[in-house]
Amino acid sequence: MLLAHPAVLRELVARYESLCAVAQERALAPDLKRRLDDVTYTLCVTTGTRQLEHALAAAKARLAATTTG
């Protein structure tokens, strides 16, 4: 399986977390929901998973492995 570059994973995780923070502060507008859906889909595709929780765990594990290894 191809692995996403750590910089790509780092950016996707950061974008997801940023959008979640914005979503908690205000109503989930259609544009914000679309962007959250897009980044969720991209995280799943780049990590080879089907659920957001698994995608985030895989991305964070890969990032941890690249910084320690």
PDB file of N, CA and C in Angstrom:
ATOM      1  N   MET A   1       0.838  -1.187   0.000  1.00  0.00           N
ATOM      2  CA  MET A   1       0.000   0.000   0.000  1.00  0.00           C
ATOM      3  C   MET A   1       0.877   1.243   0.000  1.00  0.00           C
ATOM      4  N   LEU A   2       0.487   2.210  -0.768  1.00  0.00           N
ATOM      5  CA  LEU A   2       1.195   3.482  -0.783  1.00  0.00           C
ATOM      6  C   LEU A   2       0.903   4.240   0.497  1.00  0.00           C
ATOM      7  N   LEU A   3       1.912   4.918   1.008  1.00  0.00           N
ATOM      8  CA  LEU A   3       1.738   5.709   2.223  1.00  0.00           C
ATOM      9  C   LEU A   3       1.828   7.185   1.893  1.00  0.00           C
ATOM     10  N   ALA A   4       0.924   7.943   2.465  1.00  0.00           N
ATOM     11  CA  ALA A   4       0.932   9.393   2.265  1.00  0.00           C
ATOM     12  C   ALA A   4       2.154   9.994   2.947  1.00  0.00           C
ATOM     13  N   HIS A   5       2.676  11.028   2.359  1.00  0.00           N
ATOM     14  CA  HIS A   5       3.808  11.746   2.943  1.00  0.00           C
ATOM     15  C   HIS A   5       3.376  12.320   4.293  1.00  0.00           C
ATOM     16  N   PRO A   6       4.257  12.270   5.284  1.00  0.00           N
ATOM     17  CA  PRO A   6       3.899  12.807   6.613  1.00  0.00           C
ATOM     18  C   PRO A   6       3.407  14.252   6.582  1.00  0.00           C
ATOM     19  N   ALA A   7       3.963  15.066   5.709  1.00  0.00           N
ATOM     20  CA  ALA A   7       3.518  16.463   5.631  1.00  0.00           C
ATOM     21  C   ALA A   7       2.055  16.545   5.197  1.00  0.00           C
ATOM     22  N   VAL A   8       1.646  15.651   4.300  1.00  0.00           N
ATOM     23  CA  VAL A   8       0.255  15.620   3.843  1.00  0.00           C
ATOM     24  C   VAL A   8      -0.648  15.195   4.996  1.00  0.00           C
ATOM     25  N   LEU A   9      -0.259  14.151   5.699  1.00  0.00           N
ATOM     26  CA  LEU A   9      -1.055  13.692   6.843  1.00  0.00           C
ATOM     27  C   LEU A   9      -1.152  14.769   7.913  1.00  0.00           C
ATOM     28  N   ARG A  10      -0.033  15.412   8.199  1.00  0.00           N
ATOM     29  CA  ARG A  10      -0.008  16.464   9.215  1.00  0.00           C
ATOM     30  C   ARG A  10      -0.980  17.588   8.845  1.00  0.00           C
ATOM     31  N   GLU A  11      -0.980  17.973   7.585  1.00  0.00           N
ATOM     32  CA  GLU A  11      -1.851  19.049   7.115  1.00  0.00           C
ATOM     33  C   GLU A  11      -3.314  18.634   7.180  1.00  0.00           C
ATOM     34  N   LEU A  12      -3.621  17.401   6.810  1.00  0.00           N
ATOM     35  CA  LEU A  12      -5.003  16.922   6.846  1.00  0.00           C
ATOM     36  C   LEU A  12      -5.532  16.855   8.276  1.00  0.00           C
ATOM     37  N   VAL A  13      -4.725  16.338   9.187  1.00  0.00           N
ATOM     38  CA  VAL A  13      -5.147  16.266  10.593  1.00  0.00           C
ATOM     39  C   VAL A  13      -5.355  17.675  11.150  1.00  0.00           C
ATOM     40  N   ALA A  14      -4.438  18.568  10.848  1.00  0.00           N
ATOM     41  CA  ALA A  14      -4.557  19.948  11.328  1.00  0.00           C
ATOM     42  C   ALA A  14      -5.806  20.613  10.760  1.00  0.00           C
ATOM     43  N   ARG A  15      -6.079  20.382   9.482  1.00  0.00           N
ATOM     44  CA  ARG A  15      -7.266  20.973   8.858  1.00  0.00           C
ATOM     45  C   ARG A  15      -8.536  20.415   9.498  1.00  0.00           C
ATOM     46  N   TYR A  16      -8.565  19.110   9.716  1.00  0.00           N
ATOM     47  CA  TYR A  16      -9.735  18.502  10.364  1.00  0.00           C
ATOM     48  C   TYR A  16      -9.949  19.095  11.757  1.00  0.00           C
ATOM     49  N   GLU A  17      -8.895  19.165  12.553  1.00  0.00           N
ATOM     50  CA  GLU A  17      -9.014  19.688  13.918  1.00  0.00           C
ATOM     51  C   GLU A  17      -9.433  21.153  13.915  1.00  0.00           C
ATOM     52  N   SER A  18      -8.916  21.917  12.981  1.00  0.00           N
ATOM     53  CA  SER A  18      -9.284  23.331  12.872  1.00  0.00           C
ATOM     54  C   SER A  18     -10.763  23.485  12.513  1.00  0.00           C
ATOM     55  N   LEU A  19     -11.223  22.698  11.556  1.00  0.00           N
ATOM     56  CA  LEU A  19     -12.631  22.774  11.160  1.00  0.00           C
ATOM     57  C   LEU A  19     -13.550  22.330  12.294  1.00  0.00           C
ATOM     58  N   CYS A  20     -13.133  21.337  13.056  1.00  0.00           N
ATOM     59  CA  CYS A  20     -13.935  20.896  14.203  1.00  0.00           C
ATOM     60  C   CYS A  20     -14.031  21.998  15.250  1.00  0.00           C
ATOM     61  N   ALA A  21     -12.944  22.697  15.474  1.00  0.00           N
ATOM     62  CA  ALA A  21     -12.942  23.794  16.442  1.00  0.00           C
ATOM     63  C   ALA A  21     -13.910  24.889  15.999  1.00  0.00           C
ATOM     64  N   VAL A  22     -13.891  25.203  14.720  1.00  0.00           N
ATOM     65  CA  VAL A  22     -14.806  26.222  14.188  1.00  0.00           C
ATOM     66  C   VAL A  22     -16.244  25.734  14.321  1.00  0.00           C
ATOM     67  N   ALA A  23     -16.482  24.461  14.040  1.00  0.00           N
ATOM     68  CA  ALA A  23     -17.840  23.906  14.105  1.00  0.00           C
ATOM     69  C   ALA A  23     -18.386  23.944  15.523  1.00  0.00           C
ATOM     70  N   GLN A  24     -17.528  23.840  16.531  1.00  0.00           N
ATOM     71  CA  GLN A  24     -17.982  23.898  17.920  1.00  0.00           C
ATOM     72  C   GLN A  24     -18.347  25.315  18.338  1.00  0.00           C
ATOM     73  N   GLU A  25     -17.733  26.296  17.696  1.00  0.00           N
ATOM     74  CA  GLU A  25     -17.957  27.690  18.058  1.00  0.00           C
ATOM     75  C   GLU A  25     -19.203  28.284  17.416  1.00  0.00           C
ATOM     76  N   ARG A  26     -19.617  27.738  16.285  1.00  0.00           N
ATOM     77  CA  ARG A  26     -20.779  28.297  15.597  1.00  0.00           C
ATOM     78  C   ARG A  26     -21.567  27.182  14.925  1.00  0.00           C
ATOM     79  N   ALA A  27     -22.706  27.562  14.398  1.00  0.00           N
ATOM     80  CA  ALA A  27     -23.579  26.593  13.741  1.00  0.00           C
ATOM     81  C   ALA A  27     -22.878  25.962  12.542  1.00  0.00           C
ATOM     82  N   LEU A  28     -23.212  24.729  12.270  1.00  0.00           N
ATOM     83  CA  LEU A  28     -22.594  23.991  11.177  1.00  0.00           C
ATOM     84  C   LEU A  28     -23.257  24.399   9.862  1.00  0.00           C
ATOM     85  N   ALA A  29     -22.695  25.427   9.248  1.00  0.00           N
ATOM     86  CA  ALA A  29     -23.205  25.921   7.968  1.00  0.00           C
ATOM     87  C   ALA A  29     -22.928  24.887   6.874  1.00  0.00           C
ATOM     88  N   PRO A  30     -23.705  24.914   5.801  1.00  0.00           N
ATOM     89  CA  PRO A  30     -23.500  23.941   4.720  1.00  0.00           C
ATOM     90  C   PRO A  30     -22.063  23.924   4.186  1.00  0.00           C
ATOM     91  N   ASP A  31     -21.448  25.088   4.060  1.00  0.00           N
ATOM     92  CA  ASP A  31     -20.077  25.145   3.553  1.00  0.00           C
ATOM     93  C   ASP A  31     -19.098  24.479   4.518  1.00  0.00           C
ATOM     94  N   LEU A  32     -19.281  24.715   5.793  1.00  0.00           N
ATOM     95  CA  LEU A  32     -18.414  24.111   6.804  1.00  0.00           C
ATOM     96  C   LEU A  32     -18.610  22.598   6.835  1.00  0.00           C
ATOM     97  N   LYS A  33     -19.855  22.144   6.724  1.00  0.00           N
ATOM     98  CA  LYS A  33     -20.129  20.710   6.695  1.00  0.00           C
ATOM     99  C   LYS A  33     -19.469  20.066   5.484  1.00  0.00           C
ATOM    100  N   ARG A  34     -19.549  20.716   4.340  1.00  0.00           N
ATOM    101  CA  ARG A  34     -18.931  20.185   3.124  1.00  0.00           C
ATOM    102  C   ARG A  34     -17.428  20.063   3.296  1.00  0.00           C
ATOM    103  N   ARG A  35     -16.800  21.088   3.877  1.00  0.00           N
ATOM    104  CA  ARG A  35     -15.352  21.040   4.084  1.00  0.00           C
ATOM    105  C   ARG A  35     -14.964  19.946   5.075  1.00  0.00           C
ATOM    106  N   LEU A  36     -15.761  19.761   6.125  1.00  0.00           N
ATOM    107  CA  LEU A  36     -15.506  18.667   7.066  1.00  0.00           C
ATOM    108  C   LEU A  36     -15.668  17.304   6.381  1.00  0.00           C
ATOM    109  N   ASP A  37     -16.697  17.166   5.573  1.00  0.00           N
ATOM    110  CA  ASP A  37     -16.906  15.921   4.831  1.00  0.00           C
ATOM    111  C   ASP A  37     -15.740  15.655   3.881  1.00  0.00           C
ATOM    112  N   ASP A  38     -15.272  16.697   3.208  1.00  0.00           N
ATOM    113  CA  ASP A  38     -14.159  16.549   2.264  1.00  0.00           C
ATOM    114  C   ASP A  38     -12.877  16.107   2.954  1.00  0.00           C
ATOM    115  N   VAL A  39     -12.538  16.742   4.058  1.00  0.00           N
ATOM    116  CA  VAL A  39     -11.296  16.392   4.741  1.00  0.00           C
ATOM    117  C   VAL A  39     -11.415  15.012   5.393  1.00  0.00           C
ATOM    118  N   THR A  40     -12.606  14.662   5.858  1.00  0.00           N
ATOM    119  CA  THR A  40     -12.829  13.324   6.416  1.00  0.00           C
ATOM    120  C   THR A  40     -12.620  12.267   5.336  1.00  0.00           C
ATOM    121  N   TYR A  41     -13.207  12.483   4.184  1.00  0.00           N
ATOM    122  CA  TYR A  41     -13.049  11.557   3.062  1.00  0.00           C
ATOM    123  C   TYR A  41     -11.573  11.426   2.677  1.00  0.00           C
ATOM    124  N   THR A  42     -10.885  12.539   2.573  1.00  0.00           N
ATOM    125  CA  THR A  42      -9.482  12.525   2.167  1.00  0.00           C
ATOM    126  C   THR A  42      -8.622  11.811   3.201  1.00  0.00           C
ATOM    127  N   LEU A  43      -8.876  12.032   4.471  1.00  0.00           N
ATOM    128  CA  LEU A  43      -8.147  11.309   5.518  1.00  0.00           C
ATOM    129  C   LEU A  43      -8.368   9.808   5.388  1.00  0.00           C
ATOM    130  N   CYS A  44      -9.592   9.396   5.159  1.00  0.00           N
ATOM    131  CA  CYS A  44      -9.885   7.970   5.015  1.00  0.00           C
ATOM    132  C   CYS A  44      -9.174   7.379   3.803  1.00  0.00           C
ATOM    133  N   VAL A  45      -9.209   8.075   2.692  1.00  0.00           N
ATOM    134  CA  VAL A  45      -8.554   7.572   1.483  1.00  0.00           C
ATOM    135  C   VAL A  45      -7.046   7.489   1.676  1.00  0.00           C
ATOM    136  N   THR A  46      -6.447   8.512   2.241  1.00  0.00           N
ATOM    137  CA  THR A  46      -4.984   8.525   2.380  1.00  0.00           C
ATOM    138  C   THR A  46      -4.471   7.541   3.414  1.00  0.00           C
ATOM    139  N   THR A  47      -5.341   7.100   4.327  1.00  0.00           N
ATOM    140  CA  THR A  47      -4.912   6.138   5.340  1.00  0.00           C
ATOM    141  C   THR A  47      -5.433   4.732   5.058  1.00  0.00           C
ATOM    142  N   GLY A  48      -6.243   4.581   4.018  1.00  0.00           N
ATOM    143  CA  GLY A  48      -6.772   3.270   3.671  1.00  0.00           C
ATOM    144  C   GLY A  48      -7.801   2.757   4.663  1.00  0.00           C
ATOM    145  N   THR A  49      -8.535   3.666   5.265  1.00  0.00           N
ATOM    146  CA  THR A  49      -9.555   3.296   6.249  1.00  0.00           C
ATOM    147  C   THR A  49     -10.927   3.735   5.755  1.00  0.00           C
ATOM    148  N   ARG A  50     -11.953   3.360   6.518  1.00  0.00           N
ATOM    149  CA  ARG A  50     -13.320   3.726   6.131  1.00  0.00           C
ATOM    150  C   ARG A  50     -14.043   4.538   7.180  1.00  0.00           C
ATOM    151  N   GLN A  51     -13.446   4.676   8.347  1.00  0.00           N
ATOM    152  CA  GLN A  51     -14.081   5.436   9.423  1.00  0.00           C
ATOM    153  C   GLN A  51     -13.126   6.517   9.902  1.00  0.00           C
ATOM    154  N   LEU A  52     -13.690   7.655  10.236  1.00  0.00           N
ATOM    155  CA  LEU A  52     -12.886   8.797  10.656  1.00  0.00           C
ATOM    156  C   LEU A  52     -11.981   8.457  11.838  1.00  0.00           C
ATOM    157  N   GLU A  53     -12.525   7.779  12.830  1.00  0.00           N
ATOM    158  CA  GLU A  53     -11.724   7.462  14.019  1.00  0.00           C
ATOM    159  C   GLU A  53     -10.504   6.631  13.652  1.00  0.00           C
ATOM    160  N   HIS A  54     -10.689   5.671  12.750  1.00  0.00           N
ATOM    161  CA  HIS A  54      -9.571   4.840  12.307  1.00  0.00           C
ATOM    162  C   HIS A  54      -8.578   5.660  11.477  1.00  0.00           C
ATOM    163  N   ALA A  55      -9.096   6.558  10.657  1.00  0.00           N
ATOM    164  CA  ALA A  55      -8.230   7.394   9.830  1.00  0.00           C
ATOM    165  C   ALA A  55      -7.355   8.300  10.689  1.00  0.00           C
ATOM    166  N   LEU A  56      -7.962   8.924  11.693  1.00  0.00           N
ATOM    167  CA  LEU A  56      -7.188   9.795  12.581  1.00  0.00           C
ATOM    168  C   LEU A  56      -6.143   8.992  13.357  1.00  0.00           C
ATOM    169  N   ALA A  57      -6.531   7.826  13.839  1.00  0.00           N
ATOM    170  CA  ALA A  57      -5.582   6.985  14.582  1.00  0.00           C
ATOM    171  C   ALA A  57      -4.434   6.548  13.681  1.00  0.00           C
ATOM    172  N   ALA A  58      -4.739   6.150  12.460  1.00  0.00           N
ATOM    173  CA  ALA A  58      -3.695   5.718  11.523  1.00  0.00           C
ATOM    174  C   ALA A  58      -2.768   6.872  11.168  1.00  0.00           C
ATOM    175  N   ALA A  59      -3.341   8.045  10.922  1.00  0.00           N
ATOM    176  CA  ALA A  59      -2.526   9.202  10.559  1.00  0.00           C
ATOM    177  C   ALA A  59      -1.615   9.596  11.722  1.00  0.00           C
ATOM    178  N   LYS A  60      -2.156   9.622  12.925  1.00  0.00           N
ATOM    179  CA  LYS A  60      -1.358  10.006  14.083  1.00  0.00           C
ATOM    180  C   LYS A  60      -0.277   8.961  14.390  1.00  0.00           C
ATOM    181  N   ALA A  61      -0.589   7.689  14.182  1.00  0.00           N
ATOM    182  CA  ALA A  61       0.415   6.635  14.391  1.00  0.00           C
ATOM    183  C   ALA A  61       1.545   6.774  13.377  1.00  0.00           C
ATOM    184  N   ARG A  62       1.177   7.032  12.127  1.00  0.00           N
ATOM    185  CA  ARG A  62       2.193   7.209  11.069  1.00  0.00           C
ATOM    186  C   ARG A  62       3.063   8.424  11.373  1.00  0.00           C
ATOM    187  N   LEU A  63       2.454   9.505  11.814  1.00  0.00           N
ATOM    188  CA  LEU A  63       3.217  10.716  12.156  1.00  0.00           C
ATOM    189  C   LEU A  63       4.145  10.457  13.331  1.00  0.00           C
ATOM    190  N   ALA A  64       3.665   9.735  14.330  1.00  0.00           N
ATOM    191  CA  ALA A  64       4.498   9.417  15.486  1.00  0.00           C
ATOM    192  C   ALA A  64       5.685   8.533  15.067  1.00  0.00           C
ATOM    193  N   ALA A  65       5.422   7.604  14.165  1.00  0.00           N
ATOM    194  CA  ALA A  65       6.500   6.716  13.708  1.00  0.00           C
ATOM    195  C   ALA A  65       7.551   7.463  12.890  1.00  0.00           C
ATOM    196  N   THR A  66       7.138   8.482  12.160  1.00  0.00           N
ATOM    197  CA  THR A  66       8.106   9.218  11.337  1.00  0.00           C
ATOM    198  C   THR A  66       8.929  10.185  12.170  1.00  0.00           C
ATOM    199  N   THR A  67       8.396  10.624  13.309  1.00  0.00           N
ATOM    200  CA  THR A  67       9.162  11.566  14.130  1.00  0.00           C
ATOM    201  C   THR A  67      10.101  10.827  15.091  1.00  0.00           C
ATOM    202  N   THR A  68       9.771   9.563  15.395  1.00  0.00           N
ATOM    203  CA  THR A  68      10.623   8.813  16.321  1.00  0.00           C
ATOM    204  C   THR A  68      11.565   7.861  15.590  1.00  0.00           C
ATOM    205  N   GLY A  69      11.269   7.567  14.339  1.00  0.00           N
ATOM    206  CA  GLY A  69      12.061   6.568  13.635  1.00  0.00           C
ATOM    207  C   GLY A  69      12.937   7.074  12.625  1.00  0.00           C
TER     208      GLY A  69
END
